[in-house]
Amino acid sequence: MEAGAGAEAEPLLPPRGWRAGRRLWRAGGGGRSVAEDGTGADNDLYINQAIVFIEDAIQYRSINHRVDSKSLWLYRWYYSRTCQWILSLTITVILALAFIEKPSSLTITSDVRYRPPAWNPPCGLTESIELLCFLVFIVDVSVKSYLIGWEEFWKNKWLLAYILTLVVSVTDWIVSLSFFCTEDVRIRRILRPFFLLQNSSMMKKTLKSINSTLPEMASVVLLLAVHLSLFTMFAMLLFARTKFFAKFSFFCVFLSANTGIPGHALDGQQDKEWVGYFRNLPDSLTTLLVLLTTANNPDVMIPAYSKNRAYSIFFILFTVLGNLFLMNLLTAIIYNQFRGYLLKSVQSSLFRRRLGIRAAFEVLSSLKETPANAQQSYVSVRALLQVLQKVEMDSRCKQAIMRSLKMCSCDQLSAAQFQKLFEELDKDAIKQHPPSPQYQSQFMQKIQFAFGHPYFGYLGNVVALANIVSICVVLVMDADKQPSERDDFFLGVLEIATFAVYGFPHPGWRPEFMGLLSLWDMVRLVNMLIVFRFLRIIPNMKFMALVVTTLLDLVKNLRAFAGILVVVFYAFAITGIMLFKGAVVPMGNISAFNTTYDNGTLQCGTYEQLEYWPNNFDDFAAAVVTLWDVMVVNNWQVFLEAFSRYSSPWAKIYFVAWWLISSVIWVNLFVALLLENFIHKWDRRCHREPLSDIEYQRTVELMFRDVLEEPTEEELMEKLHQHPHLQLCR
């Protein structure tokens, strides 16, 4: 039997026959009966239920939770700002522990040649913080499990995974203490991003959309794999080692041993393509995989191209088919499929909102003040106003709904009218400039007219442009001058940088002036800030304004994507620390000028010659930066080659997996979101219809609102009848 059944004895909704038939009704599963005329306690319960359902609709939350008085209090307490802030802070703290726990990132540099010994916290310090975080998560999952009911709990995969993650994490925490924090592998660190993931409904929906899109992406990825494999085999045949090179290499070794001349200086241009890129199958695959991202182009082509220009056809054909066709086809498929699945997710969110509002209507229609002989359900305006006063929602929406209620001439609201009122939640008002103040003085009116005239704004933009041009000219003129030869007047524009480097006071301070900031220094600072006024021209250029607003709205839309990227970054960084911590070892004193080491010359383009020493996996911060460098795929073949040498050839799998997830999947999803946002705004720009006296834009969650379908009355009522804690008898 479900725990807490006694708490469910209070009915959510009395049956319609309670009004029409004047008879008693008993709540399912409980022993308490409710009389025909109701009680004040029942009305208070219905009011509280309506408040919670409306708040659920605002936040797109499911209404499938307990609805008795005690559970409603616990529910509102759990979703209060304080509790949610504590939960968010706990997630932030446990994720941030990776920066200070062993291996600590608290060093000035991550360069293995110059990095000082990092501070490592004593055993038990970070573990104590972890324990506090685990306790908060245990309370969190317990409250969630209770509120949805035990039957629903066993159907909720996220909650089950939540508990499993906590069990594994606590077990690993105990093992860590038993080894006095000396173990190198900590499984719980990889699991930490799950706490962030499970706490965001939008991230869950996005992840579900990505997961549903993977089968469609797999077909193109498979085609890419076939393309890569075929060209790899063809390349190994085309650039095979020649007999001449085999004989010539022995001669080079013999001559080098007797003359002291390096062998690589004697081999000339023979088979450099085979030696450098196509020596074996793993090297060939890696070479062409990197070429697919154009990171090693044209380096990989030069040795063969130097001997015969016809070899360029192979590399051009591979790049055109792989990079221009297949990779862009993958972007198109991701955009098309992901948009479809995301649209379904947003449709589900819209249904949740409409269902929550309809549940609130059904609750309020059960109040005793509703006419008993009514053939149709109604809600009194007075009851709704009472509910709105207690609902936590955006003040603009609340005021707009109350305004509509006051303008309404009726005292009762039907289901359609009730639902239409809350469509205000689907709108997000565009912020407008406040109206200009009205002055009585003629002098102030003239001043207001002069400074408020568009020409004054144009003058300000011209002055800002002149500042930019002057600063650029001066910086170009002084680029080759010694600091002592430069004019302090022109360098004043860089005063902020001087303050940041030298502090207060700095060596360039004029001795004849006293005080923290002289008047002249302040003028120079203000002069620099005037440059930013030139950004005001953006709203005056319609297309530029469209691009900028798209980017700004994209920041809002990216919260779920950014969260998933944080999860992936975190998991791969921790995995990289486990695999490659301490793998990169400095090679002594390497000159940064002649790239020589121990009387030998480093090969151009290698990890050592490029001095990529700060890019390693010796601590969490360094691992994150290294993963970022690989994600942008510029010179990422250097990391593939270096970590294969320093650790194992299998290290390539790690970096290729990261490239697929970050650069191929996530970046393409970002492009898809950018396209969707831009197209949405472009369509609205071309087909703009005035909605009211205030111009509105759709909220982030309802970016696809124009193509969404409103749920029908039958769908809503059917879903309400399936509510696990609701007794609806009509």
Foldseek 3Di string as FASTA:
>chain_A
DWPPLALLFQALFDELCLLVVQDWDGDPSYDDIAGSLGDPVLLVLLLLLLLVLLLCLLVLHFPQWFRGDVLSVLVCVCPDPVNVVVLVVLLVLLLVVQCAAPVHVPFPFLFQVPTDRDDHDFQPPVLVSVVVSLVSLVVVLVSVCRGNTVVVCVVDPLSVVSVVLSVLQVVLSVVCVVVRNPDQDRPNLLVSLSSVQSVDPVLVLLVVLLVVLVVVLVVLVVVLVVLLVVLLVVVCVVLPADPVLVVVQVVLVVCCVVPVDDSVVVSPLHSPLCVPANVDSVSSSLRLVLVLVPQCPPVSVVSVCVVPVVSVVSSVVSNCCRNVPSLVVSLVSCLVSSVVSLQVVLLSSLLSSLLSLLSSQSSQQRNSVNNSPDPAGKHFLVSVVVSLVPHDDDPVLSVQLVVVSVPDPDGIDHSVRSSVSNCSSQWDFDDDDDDDDDDPDPVVVVVCCVCVDVVVLVVLLVLLVVLVVVLVVLCVVCVPPDPVPHDVVSCLLVVVVQCVVANFPRPVDDPVDDDRADPSSVVSPVSNVSNVSNVVCQVVDPVSVLLVVLVVVVVVLCPSLVSVVVSVLSSLLSVQLSQWAPLDDDQPDADLPQCAHPNHHDDPLACSNVSVSSQGSNGRVSSSVNLVVLQVSNSVVNVLVVCCVSGNNCVNVSSVVSNCVRNSSSVSVSVSSSVLSSVLSVVCVVVPDADDPTRIDGDSSCSVVVPHDNDDPVVSVVVQVVNPSHDYHD
